[in-house]
Amino acid sequence: MSSDSNRFVPYVDIYFKIYFFGGLIFQFVLLTLILTKSPAILSNLKFFLINTCVLQIILISMGFFTQHRSLPNSKSFAVLPHGPCRTFGPNTCFTAYHLFLGVALCVGLGISNTIIFRFRVLRKGRESRKRIITMISLTYIPSLAIIILPFTAPWNFAEVRAVTYFEHPTYDLSIYEPFVGFFTITSFQFLSATFLLVIGAYAIPAVSGFLTTRVIHLINDNRGMSLKTKEHSKTLAYVGDLAGLACQTFLPVICYIPFPSCYIYSQISNVEMLLTEHLLGILICLPSFLDPFISFYFIVPYRQAILGIFKCRKSKPLKTVISVRHLSKQNASIIDSN
């Protein structure tokens, strides 16, 4: 067996340590800003931001806890954990792996849900709290399905290990023992969970990109808005400039699409893809590390608060003076609903 099969492991270990401690710090800073620096204009949007932030904290923790490597076989799928979960045994690692996938999907759906909320507000005006809670709750349904489905099928880790050693004879897998996985990839549970993940991986970037573009068009085409209101709406939509749009649209594209694409390719071509075995787990949770920086920069109150702390420039309070007498009822509801 060749030790070359583990040549990326030391780098992945370093990455996950940085990812865990750095990611949690950034997320807790963001959560603090959401709770303390959000103006009244963000009162409803704040529900979506808090939901996504809490989910990302869980995802970061699960990613570090498992630090898994995905190794597809012809008829099974091995999950090679290298994180702290190994201390608690294979059942704990496999459970944490499913939690990781479910929460990752929920994070992606939560980000798209936030864009859908902005789009609906700009088109229809104020959204009720009941509808907001419903929108957030619906994103948990496919995620819970991914978490629950594997528990309805028998687990046969011994069979997974036997097949994995047979199909990858040049791999040194001793550092992952006892590893886990699905002993059959044709079961209803595996196919259903994979289907939900694949649909989410392709649909989330597509929906996010399309609706973000529509939000910009609605803002630019709405002549009923004053210039100040229009510019402020752009800020709330994270699209004050092209960089904001690019970050929001292409981050899911870069991080979500490679996961199912590489898996499908490896299954069809029967080719070992050593680097992507590690990248599958890394890319799925990478947005949780980068997303706070998008919020720090493109949400003006948060950016001002951070700049004020570091004294990079004098922080000025965000003041938005809106006269209801000079705005139509629809525009007033748009501002209020955010």
Foldseek 3Di string as FASTA:
>chain_A
DDPVLCPCVVVLLVVLVCLLVLLLVLLVLLLVCLVPQDDLLCVLLSVLVNLLSVLLNLLSVLCQQFLWFWDDDLFWIWIQGQHVQVVVPAVSNVLSVLLNLLSLLLNLLSLLLSLVVLLCCLVPFADDPVVSVVSSVVSNVLSVLSNCLVVVDDFDQVLVVVRVCVLCVNDDSVSRPPTGTGNGCPDPSNVSNVVSLQCSLPVSLVSQLVSLVVSLVSLVVPPLDDPVLSCVSCLVSLPNDPVSSCCRRCLSVVQRNVQVVVVVVCNVVVDDDSVVSSSNSVSSSVCSSVVSVSCCPSNLSNVLVVCCVVVVDHRDRDDDDDDPVSHDPSSVSSSSND
